[in-house]
Amino acid sequence: MRRIGLMFGATVVLVGVMATMAQAGGFRYPVGLTYASGPQKVMDKMKENYYVADDFVLPVGVAFNPYYEFDNGVGVGASFGPLIYMAVDAGGGSDFNMVIPIGADIRYTLFTKNNVSPYVRGGFRYPIAFGDYLQSKSAGLFGAVGVEFLRTKRVSMGIEISYDDSSIEVKSGSTGAKPFTKAQEVTPCGFMSGIYVVF
């Protein structure tokens, strides 16, 4: 909890400093699809803790990362997703489990007046977990590098690679062979890659 408070406090201070550095800017709205390496690891932990007759993992989800960019290329934003979806058949019908990571970050974009503009961003994220087998656990650090194309056009696009080390917990359960298993912490996102459009 203290770690989250420190990260939030640092974000507020940096936003205040940047607001005094720039006179104008604008909002930007990237939305797209992101592939995450973590969902299969979550499913593997679920199989360790529960008897699973059948499973389905969707490692690609929608992500929305709106931000405000100042004239100097510095930006402050929020992140929602990628939406992670998993279904498990434990013999009594399908149970749906979802994870929605949310967060805040600070970014810096180079060559903001050009058609090709690389950027970096970093911050923290917290995964909200839903379902019978999952629960939220702890916030983590987030970092990304990307490139935006056709930036001077009304609608542009971009690509990004990133890493999110926040975690969720797979609840304790029973596999049949084991009458009781321990809860396990796992990273639902991990390494990610995405493609998006910017409005």
Protein backbone atom coordinates (compact mmCIF):
# COMPACT_ATOMS: atom_id res chain seq x y z
CA MET A 1 0.00 0.00 0.00
CA ARG A 2 2.89 2.34 0.82
CA ARG A 3 4.40 1.65 -2.60
CA ILE A 4 1.17 2.72 -4.32
CA GLY A 5 1.05 5.92 -2.23
CA LEU A 6 4.64 6.83 -3.11
CA MET A 7 4.04 6.24 -6.83
CA PHE A 8 0.84 8.31 -6.76
CA GLY A 9 2.57 11.15 -4.89
CA ALA A 10 5.46 11.19 -7.36
CA THR A 11 3.01 11.32 -10.26
CA VAL A 12 1.16 14.29 -8.77
CA VAL A 13 4.42 16.20 -8.20
CA LEU A 14 5.65 15.54 -11.74
CA VAL A 15 2.33 16.59 -13.24
CA GLY A 16 2.55 19.88 -11.35
CA VAL A 17 6.09 20.52 -12.54
CA MET A 18 5.22 19.76 -16.14
CA ALA A 19 2.16 21.98 -16.06
CA THR A 20 4.39 24.93 -15.26
CA MET A 21 6.79 24.03 -18.09
CA ALA A 22 4.23 24.15 -20.88
CA GLN A 23 1.67 26.70 -21.93
CA ALA A 24 -0.54 24.61 -24.20
CA GLY A 25 -1.16 21.09 -25.38
CA GLY A 26 -3.92 18.70 -26.27
CA PHE A 27 -5.64 15.42 -25.50
CA ARG A 28 -4.90 12.29 -27.53
CA TYR A 29 -6.88 9.04 -27.50
CA PRO A 30 -5.01 5.84 -28.50
CA VAL A 31 -7.17 2.72 -28.73
CA GLY A 32 -6.15 -0.65 -30.11
CA LEU A 33 -5.34 -4.31 -29.55
CA THR A 34 -2.62 -5.61 -27.25
CA TYR A 35 -1.15 -9.10 -26.97
CA ALA A 36 -0.06 -10.10 -23.45
CA SER A 37 2.21 -13.01 -22.50
CA GLY A 38 0.75 -13.38 -19.00
CA PRO A 39 -2.77 -14.86 -19.54
CA GLN A 40 -1.49 -18.36 -20.34
CA LYS A 41 0.61 -18.29 -17.16
CA VAL A 42 -2.53 -17.39 -15.21
CA MET A 43 -4.35 -20.34 -16.76
CA ASP A 44 -1.46 -22.68 -15.90
CA LYS A 45 -1.74 -21.62 -12.25
CA MET A 46 -5.50 -22.15 -12.35
CA LYS A 47 -4.92 -25.68 -13.63
CA GLU A 48 -2.49 -26.31 -10.77
CA ASN A 49 -5.07 -25.23 -8.20
CA TYR A 50 -8.28 -26.64 -9.72
CA TYR A 51 -9.54 -29.58 -11.69
CA VAL A 52 -10.03 -28.14 -15.20
CA ALA A 53 -11.82 -30.21 -17.85
CA ASP A 54 -11.50 -27.55 -20.56
CA ASP A 55 -10.15 -24.02 -20.86
CA PHE A 56 -10.00 -21.02 -23.17
CA VAL A 57 -7.53 -18.13 -23.06
CA LEU A 58 -7.80 -14.95 -25.12
CA PRO A 59 -4.32 -13.30 -24.95
CA VAL A 60 -5.32 -10.32 -27.15
CA GLY A 61 -7.50 -7.60 -25.70
CA VAL A 62 -8.67 -4.03 -26.23
CA ALA A 63 -6.56 -1.29 -24.63
CA PHE A 64 -7.39 2.40 -24.24
CA ASN A 65 -4.62 4.80 -23.17
CA PRO A 66 -5.80 8.46 -23.27
CA TYR A 67 -3.31 11.17 -22.37
CA TYR A 68 -2.72 14.91 -22.36
CA GLU A 69 0.40 16.07 -24.18
CA PHE A 70 2.12 19.38 -23.55
CA ASP A 71 3.89 21.32 -26.31
CA ASN A 72 7.29 20.13 -25.07
CA GLY A 73 6.45 16.47 -25.81
CA VAL A 74 5.77 15.47 -22.21
CA GLY A 75 2.45 13.74 -21.60
CA VAL A 76 0.40 12.52 -18.66
CA GLY A 77 -2.14 9.77 -19.14
CA ALA A 78 -4.23 6.88 -17.91
CA SER A 79 -4.41 3.29 -19.14
CA PHE A 80 -7.24 0.77 -19.31
CA GLY A 81 -6.51 -2.77 -20.52
CA PRO A 82 -5.76 -4.91 -22.28
CA LEU A 83 -8.92 -6.72 -21.28
CA ILE A 84 -7.85 -10.29 -20.42
CA TYR A 85 -10.48 -13.02 -20.76
CA MET A 86 -10.29 -16.66 -19.63
CA ALA A 87 -12.95 -19.38 -19.44
CA VAL A 88 -12.66 -22.57 -17.40
CA ASP A 89 -14.85 -25.66 -17.45
CA ALA A 90 -14.41 -27.37 -14.08
CA GLY A 91 -17.04 -30.00 -14.75
CA GLY A 92 -20.01 -27.94 -13.63
CA GLY A 93 -20.25 -25.56 -16.58
CA SER A 94 -18.10 -22.69 -17.74
CA ASP A 95 -16.78 -20.06 -15.34
CA PHE A 96 -15.59 -16.76 -16.79
CA ASN A 97 -12.61 -14.88 -15.40
CA MET A 98 -11.45 -11.42 -16.47
CA VAL A 99 -8.62 -9.05 -15.63
CA ILE A 100 -8.71 -5.31 -16.42
CA PRO A 101 -5.41 -3.53 -15.70
CA ILE A 102 -5.75 0.19 -14.95
CA GLY A 103 -2.99 2.72 -14.34
CA ALA A 104 -1.36 6.08 -14.82
CA ASP A 105 1.84 7.03 -16.60
CA ILE A 106 4.10 9.82 -17.78
CA ARG A 107 5.49 9.85 -21.32
CA TYR A 108 7.92 11.74 -23.50
CA THR A 109 7.54 11.92 -27.29
CA LEU A 110 10.36 12.91 -29.66
CA PHE A 111 9.79 14.81 -32.91
CA THR A 112 6.18 15.70 -32.13
CA LYS A 113 5.85 17.71 -35.36
CA ASN A 114 7.03 14.83 -37.58
CA ASN A 115 5.07 11.97 -39.13
CA VAL A 116 7.21 9.41 -37.27
CA SER A 117 7.51 10.04 -33.52
CA PRO A 118 9.13 7.58 -31.08
CA TYR A 119 8.21 7.78 -27.40
CA VAL A 120 8.76 6.23 -23.99
CA ARG A 121 6.33 6.02 -21.10
CA GLY A 122 6.39 4.68 -17.58
CA GLY A 123 4.19 4.52 -14.52
CA PHE A 124 2.26 2.05 -12.42
CA ARG A 125 -0.70 -0.28 -12.98
CA TYR A 126 -3.17 -2.23 -10.87
CA PRO A 127 -5.01 -5.30 -12.24
CA ILE A 128 -8.69 -5.60 -11.30
CA ALA A 129 -9.59 -9.31 -11.34
CA PHE A 130 -13.09 -10.80 -11.70
CA GLY A 131 -14.21 -14.43 -11.46
CA ASP A 132 -14.52 -17.40 -9.14
CA TYR A 133 -10.83 -18.30 -9.34
CA LEU A 134 -9.06 -14.93 -9.37
CA GLN A 135 -8.67 -11.90 -7.12
CA SER A 136 -6.71 -8.67 -7.31
CA LYS A 137 -3.35 -8.63 -5.54
CA SER A 138 -0.87 -5.78 -5.96
CA ALA A 139 0.09 -2.82 -8.14
CA GLY A 140 3.28 -2.87 -10.15
CA LEU A 141 5.57 -0.79 -12.32
CA PHE A 142 4.95 -0.33 -16.03
CA GLY A 143 7.25 0.70 -18.86
CA ALA A 144 6.84 0.99 -22.65
CA VAL A 145 8.53 2.16 -25.83
CA GLY A 146 6.68 2.84 -29.06
CA VAL A 147 6.51 4.68 -32.35
CA GLU A 148 3.62 6.71 -33.70
CA PHE A 149 3.15 7.01 -37.48
CA LEU A 150 1.27 9.64 -39.50
CA ARG A 151 1.29 11.80 -36.41
CA THR A 152 0.56 15.01 -38.31
CA LYS A 153 -2.66 13.54 -39.72
CA ARG A 154 -6.05 13.76 -38.03
CA VAL A 155 -5.97 10.02 -37.26
CA SER A 156 -2.58 8.39 -36.71
CA MET A 157 -1.45 4.91 -35.71
CA GLY A 158 1.30 3.35 -33.66
CA ILE A 159 3.00 0.25 -32.30
CA GLU A 160 4.27 -0.39 -28.79
CA ILE A 161 6.09 -2.98 -26.67
CA SER A 162 5.78 -2.88 -22.90
CA TYR A 163 6.12 -4.70 -19.59
CA ASP A 164 3.76 -4.70 -16.60
CA ASP A 165 4.84 -6.45 -13.38
CA SER A 166 1.59 -6.00 -11.41
CA SER A 167 0.07 -9.21 -10.05
CA ILE A 168 -3.16 -11.03 -9.25
CA GLU A 169 -3.83 -14.09 -7.14
CA VAL A 170 -5.22 -17.46 -8.21
CA LYS A 171 -7.33 -18.55 -5.24
CA SER A 172 -6.72 -21.75 -3.33
CA GLY A 173 -8.74 -24.71 -4.53
CA SER A 174 -8.86 -28.44 -5.15
CA THR A 175 -7.63 -30.50 -8.10
CA GLY A 176 -9.20 -33.76 -7.00
CA ALA A 177 -5.81 -35.36 -6.45
CA LYS A 178 -4.98 -32.57 -4.00
CA PRO A 179 -7.80 -31.76 -1.56
CA PHE A 180 -6.36 -28.30 -0.90
CA THR A 181 -3.94 -26.10 -2.83
CA LYS A 182 -2.33 -22.79 -1.87
CA ALA A 183 -3.20 -19.44 -3.45
CA GLN A 184 -0.64 -18.42 -6.07
CA GLU A 185 0.51 -14.99 -7.16
CA VAL A 186 1.00 -14.47 -10.90
CA THR A 187 1.61 -11.60 -13.34
CA PRO A 188 -1.41 -11.39 -15.71
CA CYS A 189 0.20 -9.10 -18.31
CA GLY A 190 3.99 -9.38 -18.36
CA PHE A 191 5.52 -8.61 -21.74
CA MET A 192 3.07 -7.04 -24.19
CA SER A 193 2.96 -5.78 -27.77
CA GLY A 194 0.23 -3.71 -29.33
CA ILE A 195 -1.02 -1.80 -32.33
CA TYR A 196 -3.38 1.14 -32.08
CA VAL A 197 -4.96 4.16 -33.73
CA VAL A 198 -4.90 7.65 -32.21
CA PHE A 199 -7.82 10.08 -32.40
